[in-house]
Amino acid sequence: MYIFGYLRASTSDQNAKRAQRALQVFVQQKGFRIADWYIENESGASLQRPELLRLLDDAAIGDAIIIEQIDRLSRLDEESWFKLKEMLNQKD
């Protein structure tokens, strides 16, 4: 099992890495480590996010994704949210 960190901010004016240290500490306190980080400045309202799609390609069954809070993963409309959930479910 690998743990992947996903960090996202909506604009280049925002710091997508702002939660990286806190997530790193959290995972280490649980006795694990993060295998890789996927960091981008893209709108959460779009499913067309290169790093998120790369993460989903890289992840295998049993891997985990850690995020700061749910809105870092998605601010999608209902239809796109169901597509993303399907993509995640395919990875178990």
PDB file of N, CA and C in Angstrom:
ATOM      1  N   MET A   1       0.843  -1.188   0.000  1.00  0.00           N
ATOM      2  CA  MET A   1       0.000   0.000   0.000  1.00  0.00           C
ATOM      3  C   MET A   1       0.884   1.246   0.000  1.00  0.00           C
ATOM      4  N   TYR A   2       0.537   2.169  -0.866  1.00  0.00           N
ATOM      5  CA  TYR A   2       1.184   3.475  -0.899  1.00  0.00           C
ATOM      6  C   TYR A   2       0.187   4.533  -0.450  1.00  0.00           C
ATOM      7  N   ILE A   3       0.706   5.578   0.156  1.00  0.00           N
ATOM      8  CA  ILE A   3      -0.105   6.738   0.514  1.00  0.00           C
ATOM      9  C   ILE A   3       0.371   7.890  -0.345  1.00  0.00           C
ATOM     10  N   PHE A   4      -0.572   8.507  -1.045  1.00  0.00           N
ATOM     11  CA  PHE A   4      -0.276   9.650  -1.899  1.00  0.00           C
ATOM     12  C   PHE A   4      -0.899  10.904  -1.315  1.00  0.00           C
ATOM     13  N   GLY A   5      -0.153  11.988  -1.317  1.00  0.00           N
ATOM     14  CA  GLY A   5      -0.670  13.267  -0.858  1.00  0.00           C
ATOM     15  C   GLY A   5      -1.140  14.092  -2.043  1.00  0.00           C
ATOM     16  N   TYR A   6      -2.357  14.627  -1.929  1.00  0.00           N
ATOM     17  CA  TYR A   6      -2.887  15.502  -2.985  1.00  0.00           C
ATOM     18  C   TYR A   6      -3.133  16.879  -2.397  1.00  0.00           C
ATOM     19  N   LEU A   7      -2.465  17.874  -2.971  1.00  0.00           N
ATOM     20  CA  LEU A   7      -2.588  19.261  -2.524  1.00  0.00           C
ATOM     21  C   LEU A   7      -3.051  20.107  -3.698  1.00  0.00           C
ATOM     22  N   ARG A   8      -4.070  20.936  -3.454  1.00  0.00           N
ATOM     23  CA  ARG A   8      -4.608  21.758  -4.529  1.00  0.00           C
ATOM     24  C   ARG A   8      -5.010  23.118  -3.997  1.00  0.00           C
ATOM     25  N   ALA A   9      -4.744  24.131  -4.790  1.00  0.00           N
ATOM     26  CA  ALA A   9      -5.268  25.473  -4.559  1.00  0.00           C
ATOM     27  C   ALA A   9      -5.863  25.934  -5.882  1.00  0.00           C
ATOM     28  N   SER A  10      -6.806  26.845  -5.800  1.00  0.00           N
ATOM     29  CA  SER A  10      -7.546  27.241  -7.001  1.00  0.00           C
ATOM     30  C   SER A  10      -6.771  28.137  -7.942  1.00  0.00           C
ATOM     31  N   THR A  11      -5.949  29.009  -7.411  1.00  0.00           N
ATOM     32  CA  THR A  11      -5.239  29.964  -8.263  1.00  0.00           C
ATOM     33  C   THR A  11      -3.749  29.960  -7.930  1.00  0.00           C
ATOM     34  N   SER A  12      -2.959  30.518  -8.831  1.00  0.00           N
ATOM     35  CA  SER A  12      -1.518  30.583  -8.592  1.00  0.00           C
ATOM     36  C   SER A  12      -1.173  31.573  -7.474  1.00  0.00           C
ATOM     37  N   ASP A  13      -2.132  32.425  -7.096  1.00  0.00           N
ATOM     38  CA  ASP A  13      -1.918  33.346  -5.977  1.00  0.00           C
ATOM     39  C   ASP A  13      -2.000  32.629  -4.631  1.00  0.00           C
ATOM     40  N   GLN A  14      -2.591  31.441  -4.625  1.00  0.00           N
ATOM     41  CA  GLN A  14      -2.742  30.672  -3.394  1.00  0.00           C
ATOM     42  C   GLN A  14      -1.635  29.627  -3.301  1.00  0.00           C
ATOM     43  N   ASN A  15      -1.306  29.226  -2.078  1.00  0.00           N
ATOM     44  CA  ASN A  15      -0.226  28.273  -1.846  1.00  0.00           C
ATOM     45  C   ASN A  15      -0.793  26.857  -1.724  1.00  0.00           C
ATOM     46  N   ALA A  16      -0.668  26.081  -2.783  1.00  0.00           N
ATOM     47  CA  ALA A  16      -1.178  24.710  -2.770  1.00  0.00           C
ATOM     48  C   ALA A  16      -0.458  23.849  -1.735  1.00  0.00           C
ATOM     49  N   LYS A  17       0.765  24.214  -1.376  1.00  0.00           N
ATOM     50  CA  LYS A  17       1.560  23.410  -0.439  1.00  0.00           C
ATOM     51  C   LYS A  17       1.324  23.755   1.032  1.00  0.00           C
ATOM     52  N   ARG A  18       0.372  24.642   1.299  1.00  0.00           N
ATOM     53  CA  ARG A  18       0.210  25.138   2.664  1.00  0.00           C
ATOM     54  C   ARG A  18      -0.049  24.043   3.697  1.00  0.00           C
ATOM     55  N   ALA A  19      -0.674  22.947   3.324  1.00  0.00           N
ATOM     56  CA  ALA A  19      -0.998  21.875   4.274  1.00  0.00           C
ATOM     57  C   ALA A  19      -0.013  20.717   4.212  1.00  0.00           C
ATOM     58  N   GLN A  20       1.003  20.810   3.378  1.00  0.00           N
ATOM     59  CA  GLN A  20       1.903  19.679   3.167  1.00  0.00           C
ATOM     60  C   GLN A  20       2.564  19.224   4.466  1.00  0.00           C
ATOM     61  N   ARG A  21       3.087  20.127   5.218  1.00  0.00           N
ATOM     62  CA  ARG A  21       3.787  19.756   6.458  1.00  0.00           C
ATOM     63  C   ARG A  21       2.838  19.083   7.452  1.00  0.00           C
ATOM     64  N   ALA A  22       1.645  19.636   7.615  1.00  0.00           N
ATOM     65  CA  ALA A  22       0.681  19.060   8.562  1.00  0.00           C
ATOM     66  C   ALA A  22       0.276  17.643   8.147  1.00  0.00           C
ATOM     67  N   LEU A  23       0.071  17.420   6.866  1.00  0.00           N
ATOM     68  CA  LEU A  23      -0.283  16.081   6.389  1.00  0.00           C
ATOM     69  C   LEU A  23       0.881  15.116   6.573  1.00  0.00           C
ATOM     70  N   GLN A  24       2.093  15.596   6.322  1.00  0.00           N
ATOM     71  CA  GLN A  24       3.290  14.772   6.511  1.00  0.00           C
ATOM     72  C   GLN A  24       3.404  14.324   7.963  1.00  0.00           C
ATOM     73  N   VAL A  25       3.236  15.253   8.882  1.00  0.00           N
ATOM     74  CA  VAL A  25       3.324  14.931  10.311  1.00  0.00           C
ATOM     75  C   VAL A  25       2.229  13.943  10.708  1.00  0.00           C
ATOM     76  N   PHE A  26       1.020  14.169  10.245  1.00  0.00           N
ATOM     77  CA  PHE A  26      -0.104  13.279  10.552  1.00  0.00           C
ATOM     78  C   PHE A  26       0.199  11.845  10.118  1.00  0.00           C
ATOM     79  N   VAL A  27       0.658  11.687   8.897  1.00  0.00           N
ATOM     80  CA  VAL A  27       0.948  10.355   8.371  1.00  0.00           C
ATOM     81  C   VAL A  27       2.097   9.707   9.145  1.00  0.00           C
ATOM     82  N   GLN A  28       3.125  10.475   9.456  1.00  0.00           N
ATOM     83  CA  GLN A  28       4.254   9.932  10.225  1.00  0.00           C
ATOM     84  C   GLN A  28       3.826   9.503  11.622  1.00  0.00           C
ATOM     85  N   GLN A  29       2.939  10.267  12.243  1.00  0.00           N
ATOM     86  CA  GLN A  29       2.450   9.907  13.575  1.00  0.00           C
ATOM     87  C   GLN A  29       1.680   8.587  13.562  1.00  0.00           C
ATOM     88  N   LYS A  30       1.120   8.241  12.423  1.00  0.00           N
ATOM     89  CA  LYS A  30       0.390   6.976  12.275  1.00  0.00           C
ATOM     90  C   LYS A  30       1.323   5.830  11.895  1.00  0.00           C
ATOM     91  N   GLY A  31       2.622   6.141  11.730  1.00  0.00           N
ATOM     92  CA  GLY A  31       3.604   5.119  11.418  1.00  0.00           C
ATOM     93  C   GLY A  31       3.762   4.821   9.937  1.00  0.00           C
ATOM     94  N   PHE A  32       3.332   5.739   9.111  1.00  0.00           N
ATOM     95  CA  PHE A  32       3.426   5.555   7.663  1.00  0.00           C
ATOM     96  C   PHE A  32       4.240   6.681   7.049  1.00  0.00           C
ATOM     97  N   ARG A  33       4.389   6.626   5.739  1.00  0.00           N
ATOM     98  CA  ARG A  33       5.033   7.725   5.031  1.00  0.00           C
ATOM     99  C   ARG A  33       4.332   7.926   3.684  1.00  0.00           C
ATOM    100  N   ILE A  34       4.466   9.104   3.171  1.00  0.00           N
ATOM    101  CA  ILE A  34       3.836   9.449   1.899  1.00  0.00           C
ATOM    102  C   ILE A  34       4.787   9.074   0.771  1.00  0.00           C
ATOM    103  N   ALA A  35       4.278   8.303  -0.176  1.00  0.00           N
ATOM    104  CA  ALA A  35       5.096   7.825  -1.284  1.00  0.00           C
ATOM    105  C   ALA A  35       5.373   8.918  -2.302  1.00  0.00           C
ATOM    106  N   ASP A  36       4.383   9.802  -2.521  1.00  0.00           N
ATOM    107  CA  ASP A  36       4.556  10.860  -3.508  1.00  0.00           C
ATOM    108  C   ASP A  36       3.516  11.948  -3.267  1.00  0.00           C
ATOM    109  N   TRP A  37       3.824  13.128  -3.744  1.00  0.00           N
ATOM    110  CA  TRP A  37       2.924  14.277  -3.653  1.00  0.00           C
ATOM    111  C   TRP A  37       2.447  14.665  -5.043  1.00  0.00           C
ATOM    112  N   TYR A  38       1.191  15.049  -5.125  1.00  0.00           N
ATOM    113  CA  TYR A  38       0.588  15.545  -6.352  1.00  0.00           C
ATOM    114  C   TYR A  38       0.055  16.930  -6.018  1.00  0.00           C
ATOM    115  N   ILE A  39       0.672  17.948  -6.603  1.00  0.00           N
ATOM    116  CA  ILE A  39       0.410  19.331  -6.204  1.00  0.00           C
ATOM    117  C   ILE A  39       0.047  20.142  -7.431  1.00  0.00           C
ATOM    118  N   GLU A  40      -1.050  20.890  -7.325  1.00  0.00           N
ATOM    119  CA  GLU A  40      -1.447  21.714  -8.462  1.00  0.00           C
ATOM    120  C   GLU A  40      -2.266  22.920  -8.039  1.00  0.00           C
ATOM    121  N   ASN A  41      -2.252  23.906  -8.909  1.00  0.00           N
ATOM    122  CA  ASN A  41      -3.081  25.099  -8.766  1.00  0.00           C
ATOM    123  C   ASN A  41      -4.110  25.069  -9.882  1.00  0.00           C
ATOM    124  N   GLU A  42      -5.216  24.422  -9.605  1.00  0.00           N
ATOM    125  CA  GLU A  42      -6.313  24.263 -10.561  1.00  0.00           C
ATOM    126  C   GLU A  42      -7.626  24.379  -9.805  1.00  0.00           C
ATOM    127  N   SER A  43      -8.661  24.761 -10.494  1.00  0.00           N
ATOM    128  CA  SER A  43      -9.984  24.868  -9.881  1.00  0.00           C
ATOM    129  C   SER A  43     -10.502  23.493  -9.486  1.00  0.00           C
ATOM    130  N   GLY A  44     -11.050  23.403  -8.290  1.00  0.00           N
ATOM    131  CA  GLY A  44     -11.674  22.171  -7.832  1.00  0.00           C
ATOM    132  C   GLY A  44     -13.016  21.926  -8.486  1.00  0.00           C
ATOM    133  N   ALA A  45     -13.506  22.901  -9.247  1.00  0.00           N
ATOM    134  CA  ALA A  45     -14.786  22.765  -9.936  1.00  0.00           C
ATOM    135  C   ALA A  45     -14.634  22.089 -11.294  1.00  0.00           C
ATOM    136  N   SER A  46     -13.408  21.745 -11.655  1.00  0.00           N
ATOM    137  CA  SER A  46     -13.144  21.073 -12.924  1.00  0.00           C
ATOM    138  C   SER A  46     -12.532  19.711 -12.662  1.00  0.00           C
ATOM    139  N   LEU A  47     -12.954  18.736 -13.418  1.00  0.00           N
ATOM    140  CA  LEU A  47     -12.355  17.408 -13.317  1.00  0.00           C
ATOM    141  C   LEU A  47     -11.077  17.313 -14.143  1.00  0.00           C
ATOM    142  N   GLN A  48     -10.830  18.282 -14.980  1.00  0.00           N
ATOM    143  CA  GLN A  48      -9.636  18.302 -15.829  1.00  0.00           C
ATOM    144  C   GLN A  48      -8.460  18.913 -15.065  1.00  0.00           C
ATOM    145  N   ARG A  49      -7.927  18.116 -14.131  1.00  0.00           N
ATOM    146  CA  ARG A  49      -6.783  18.527 -13.322  1.00  0.00           C
ATOM    147  C   ARG A  49      -5.654  17.534 -13.558  1.00  0.00           C
ATOM    148  N   PRO A  50      -4.581  17.980 -14.204  1.00  0.00           N
ATOM    149  CA  PRO A  50      -3.503  17.062 -14.599  1.00  0.00           C
ATOM    150  C   PRO A  50      -2.931  16.230 -13.450  1.00  0.00           C
ATOM    151  N   GLU A  51      -2.684  16.836 -12.317  1.00  0.00           N
ATOM    152  CA  GLU A  51      -2.076  16.090 -11.214  1.00  0.00           C
ATOM    153  C   GLU A  51      -3.052  15.105 -10.595  1.00  0.00           C
ATOM    154  N   LEU A  52      -4.314  15.472 -10.480  1.00  0.00           N
ATOM    155  CA  LEU A  52      -5.311  14.535  -9.963  1.00  0.00           C
ATOM    156  C   LEU A  52      -5.448  13.337 -10.895  1.00  0.00           C
ATOM    157  N   LEU A  53      -5.487  13.589 -12.187  1.00  0.00           N
ATOM    158  CA  LEU A  53      -5.606  12.496 -13.149  1.00  0.00           C
ATOM    159  C   LEU A  53      -4.348  11.622 -13.159  1.00  0.00           C
ATOM    160  N   ARG A  54      -3.190  12.243 -12.989  1.00  0.00           N
ATOM    161  CA  ARG A  54      -1.939  11.476 -12.894  1.00  0.00           C
ATOM    162  C   ARG A  54      -1.947  10.605 -11.637  1.00  0.00           C
ATOM    163  N   LEU A  55      -2.429  11.166 -10.532  1.00  0.00           N
ATOM    164  CA  LEU A  55      -2.542  10.411  -9.289  1.00  0.00           C
ATOM    165  C   LEU A  55      -3.448   9.199  -9.472  1.00  0.00           C
ATOM    166  N   LEU A  56      -4.590   9.403 -10.091  1.00  0.00           N
ATOM    167  CA  LEU A  56      -5.512   8.290 -10.307  1.00  0.00           C
ATOM    168  C   LEU A  56      -4.902   7.223 -11.222  1.00  0.00           C
ATOM    169  N   ASP A  57      -4.094   7.641 -12.180  1.00  0.00           N
ATOM    170  CA  ASP A  57      -3.398   6.674 -13.035  1.00  0.00           C
ATOM    171  C   ASP A  57      -2.343   5.895 -12.244  1.00  0.00           C
ATOM    172  N   ASP A  58      -1.649   6.583 -11.353  1.00  0.00           N
ATOM    173  CA  ASP A  58      -0.561   5.961 -10.601  1.00  0.00           C
ATOM    174  C   ASP A  58      -1.058   5.041  -9.488  1.00  0.00           C
ATOM    175  N   ALA A  59      -2.201   5.348  -8.917  1.00  0.00           N
ATOM    176  CA  ALA A  59      -2.709   4.602  -7.761  1.00  0.00           C
ATOM    177  C   ALA A  59      -3.136   3.193  -8.162  1.00  0.00           C
ATOM    178  N   ALA A  60      -2.932   2.270  -7.233  1.00  0.00           N
ATOM    179  CA  ALA A  60      -3.337   0.880  -7.429  1.00  0.00           C
ATOM    180  C   ALA A  60      -4.315   0.489  -6.318  1.00  0.00           C
ATOM    181  N   ILE A  61      -4.934  -0.636  -6.491  1.00  0.00           N
ATOM    182  CA  ILE A  61      -5.875  -1.127  -5.482  1.00  0.00           C
ATOM    183  C   ILE A  61      -5.178  -1.189  -4.131  1.00  0.00           C
ATOM    184  N   GLY A  62      -5.820  -0.635  -3.119  1.00  0.00           N
ATOM    185  CA  GLY A  62      -5.279  -0.646  -1.766  1.00  0.00           C
ATOM    186  C   GLY A  62      -4.492   0.587  -1.394  1.00  0.00           C
ATOM    187  N   ASP A  63      -4.151   1.426  -2.359  1.00  0.00           N
ATOM    188  CA  ASP A  63      -3.442   2.664  -2.056  1.00  0.00           C
ATOM    189  C   ASP A  63      -4.403   3.662  -1.420  1.00  0.00           C
ATOM    190  N   ALA A  64      -3.846   4.670  -0.775  1.00  0.00           N
ATOM    191  CA  ALA A  64      -4.657   5.688  -0.098  1.00  0.00           C
ATOM    192  C   ALA A  64      -4.241   7.078  -0.571  1.00  0.00           C
ATOM    193  N   ILE A  65      -5.208   7.971  -0.575  1.00  0.00           N
ATOM    194  CA  ILE A  65      -4.974   9.377  -0.897  1.00  0.00           C
ATOM    195  C   ILE A  65      -5.279  10.184   0.349  1.00  0.00           C
ATOM    196  N   ILE A  66      -4.361  11.069   0.714  1.00  0.00           N
ATOM    197  CA  ILE A  66      -4.605  11.943   1.854  1.00  0.00           C
ATOM    198  C   ILE A  66      -4.729  13.377   1.342  1.00  0.00           C
ATOM    199  N   ILE A  67      -5.749  14.070   1.846  1.00  0.00           N
ATOM    200  CA  ILE A  67      -6.017  15.454   1.470  1.00  0.00           C
ATOM    201  C   ILE A  67      -6.275  16.258   2.728  1.00  0.00           C
ATOM    202  N   GLU A  68      -6.115  17.566   2.622  1.00  0.00           N
ATOM    203  CA  GLU A  68      -6.331  18.445   3.772  1.00  0.00           C
ATOM    204  C   GLU A  68      -7.800  18.453   4.183  1.00  0.00           C
ATOM    205  N   GLN A  69      -8.679  18.632   3.231  1.00  0.00           N
ATOM    206  CA  GLN A  69     -10.123  18.615   3.466  1.00  0.00           C
ATOM    207  C   GLN A  69     -10.811  18.326   2.143  1.00  0.00           C
ATOM    208  N   ILE A  70     -12.071  17.920   2.200  1.00  0.00           N
ATOM    209  CA  ILE A  70     -12.758  17.421   1.012  1.00  0.00           C
ATOM    210  C   ILE A  70     -12.798  18.432  -0.128  1.00  0.00           C
ATOM    211  N   ASP A  71     -12.853  19.711   0.157  1.00  0.00           N
ATOM    212  CA  ASP A  71     -12.923  20.678  -0.942  1.00  0.00           C
ATOM    213  C   ASP A  71     -11.610  20.795  -1.706  1.00  0.00           C
ATOM    214  N   ARG A  72     -10.527  20.223  -1.182  1.00  0.00           N
ATOM    215  CA  ARG A  72      -9.271  20.175  -1.934  1.00  0.00           C
ATOM    216  C   ARG A  72      -9.367  19.111  -3.030  1.00  0.00           C
ATOM    217  N   LEU A  73     -10.189  18.103  -2.798  1.00  0.00           N
ATOM    218  CA  LEU A  73     -10.405  17.065  -3.797  1.00  0.00           C
ATOM    219  C   LEU A  73     -11.483  17.456  -4.788  1.00  0.00           C
ATOM    220  N   SER A  74     -12.556  18.072  -4.293  1.00  0.00           N
ATOM    221  CA  SER A  74     -13.678  18.328  -5.191  1.00  0.00           C
ATOM    222  C   SER A  74     -14.517  19.526  -4.799  1.00  0.00           C
ATOM    223  N   ARG A  75     -14.811  20.307  -5.797  1.00  0.00           N
ATOM    224  CA  ARG A  75     -15.849  21.335  -5.766  1.00  0.00           C
ATOM    225  C   ARG A  75     -16.673  21.167  -7.040  1.00  0.00           C
ATOM    226  N   LEU A  76     -16.808  19.923  -7.434  1.00  0.00           N
ATOM    227  CA  LEU A  76     -17.440  19.567  -8.700  1.00  0.00           C
ATOM    228  C   LEU A  76     -18.951  19.648  -8.627  1.00  0.00           C
ATOM    229  N   ASP A  77     -19.551  19.822  -9.790  1.00  0.00           N
ATOM    230  CA  ASP A  77     -21.006  19.703  -9.858  1.00  0.00           C
ATOM    231  C   ASP A  77     -21.358  18.228  -9.682  1.00  0.00           C
ATOM    232  N   GLU A  78     -22.629  17.937  -9.523  1.00  0.00           N
ATOM    233  CA  GLU A  78     -23.061  16.583  -9.192  1.00  0.00           C
ATOM    234  C   GLU A  78     -22.618  15.557 -10.246  1.00  0.00           C
ATOM    235  N   GLU A  79     -22.779  15.875 -11.512  1.00  0.00           N
ATOM    236  CA  GLU A  79     -22.421  14.940 -12.577  1.00  0.00           C
ATOM    237  C   GLU A  79     -20.926  14.621 -12.552  1.00  0.00           C
ATOM    238  N   SER A  80     -20.105  15.655 -12.438  1.00  0.00           N
ATOM    239  CA  SER A  80     -18.651  15.444 -12.402  1.00  0.00           C
ATOM    240  C   SER A  80     -18.220  14.732 -11.129  1.00  0.00           C
ATOM    241  N   TRP A  81     -18.900  15.022 -10.008  1.00  0.00           N
ATOM    242  CA  TRP A  81     -18.581  14.347  -8.747  1.00  0.00           C
ATOM    243  C   TRP A  81     -18.836  12.849  -8.881  1.00  0.00           C
ATOM    244  N   PHE A  82     -19.936  12.465  -9.528  1.00  0.00           N
ATOM    245  CA  PHE A  82     -20.217  11.047  -9.730  1.00  0.00           C
ATOM    246  C   PHE A  82     -19.156  10.397 -10.621  1.00  0.00           C
ATOM    247  N   LYS A  83     -18.649  11.122 -11.615  1.00  0.00           N
ATOM    248  CA  LYS A  83     -17.568  10.607 -12.461  1.00  0.00           C
ATOM    249  C   LYS A  83     -16.308  10.374 -11.635  1.00  0.00           C
ATOM    250  N   LEU A  84     -15.963  11.356 -10.791  1.00  0.00           N
ATOM    251  CA  LEU A  84     -14.771  11.218  -9.954  1.00  0.00           C
ATOM    252  C   LEU A  84     -14.944  10.051  -8.978  1.00  0.00           C
ATOM    253  N   LYS A  85     -16.104   9.940  -8.356  1.00  0.00           N
ATOM    254  CA  LYS A  85     -16.344   8.817  -7.441  1.00  0.00           C
ATOM    255  C   LYS A  85     -16.200   7.483  -8.164  1.00  0.00           C
ATOM    256  N   GLU A  86     -16.690   7.409  -9.384  1.00  0.00           N
ATOM    257  CA  GLU A  86     -16.543   6.184 -10.177  1.00  0.00           C
ATOM    258  C   GLU A  86     -15.067   5.885 -10.424  1.00  0.00           C
ATOM    259  N   MET A  87     -14.282   6.903 -10.747  1.00  0.00           N
ATOM    260  CA  MET A  87     -12.854   6.717 -10.975  1.00  0.00           C
ATOM    261  C   MET A  87     -12.164   6.212  -9.701  1.00  0.00           C
ATOM    262  N   LEU A  88     -12.545   6.776  -8.574  1.00  0.00           N
ATOM    263  CA  LEU A  88     -11.965   6.341  -7.298  1.00  0.00           C
ATOM    264  C   LEU A  88     -12.403   4.926  -6.951  1.00  0.00           C
ATOM    265  N   ASN A  89     -13.673   4.608  -7.173  1.00  0.00           N
ATOM    266  CA  ASN A  89     -14.175   3.267  -6.878  1.00  0.00           C
ATOM    267  C   ASN A  89     -13.494   2.209  -7.729  1.00  0.00           C
ATOM    268  N   GLN A  90     -13.147   2.550  -8.962  1.00  0.00           N
ATOM    269  CA  GLN A  90     -12.449   1.595  -9.823  1.00  0.00           C
ATOM    270  C   GLN A  90     -11.077   1.231  -9.260  1.00  0.00           C
ATOM    271  N   LYS A  91     -10.523   2.113  -8.456  1.00  0.00           N
ATOM    272  CA  LYS A  91      -9.217   1.876  -7.840  1.00  0.00           C
ATOM    273  C   LYS A  91      -9.321   1.190  -6.484  1.00  0.00           C
ATOM    274  N   ASP A  92     -10.534   1.014  -5.981  1.00  0.00           N
ATOM    275  CA  ASP A  92     -10.759   0.447  -4.651  1.00  0.00           C
ATOM    276  C   ASP A  92      -9.998   1.216  -3.591  1.00  0.00           C
TER     277      ASP A  92
END
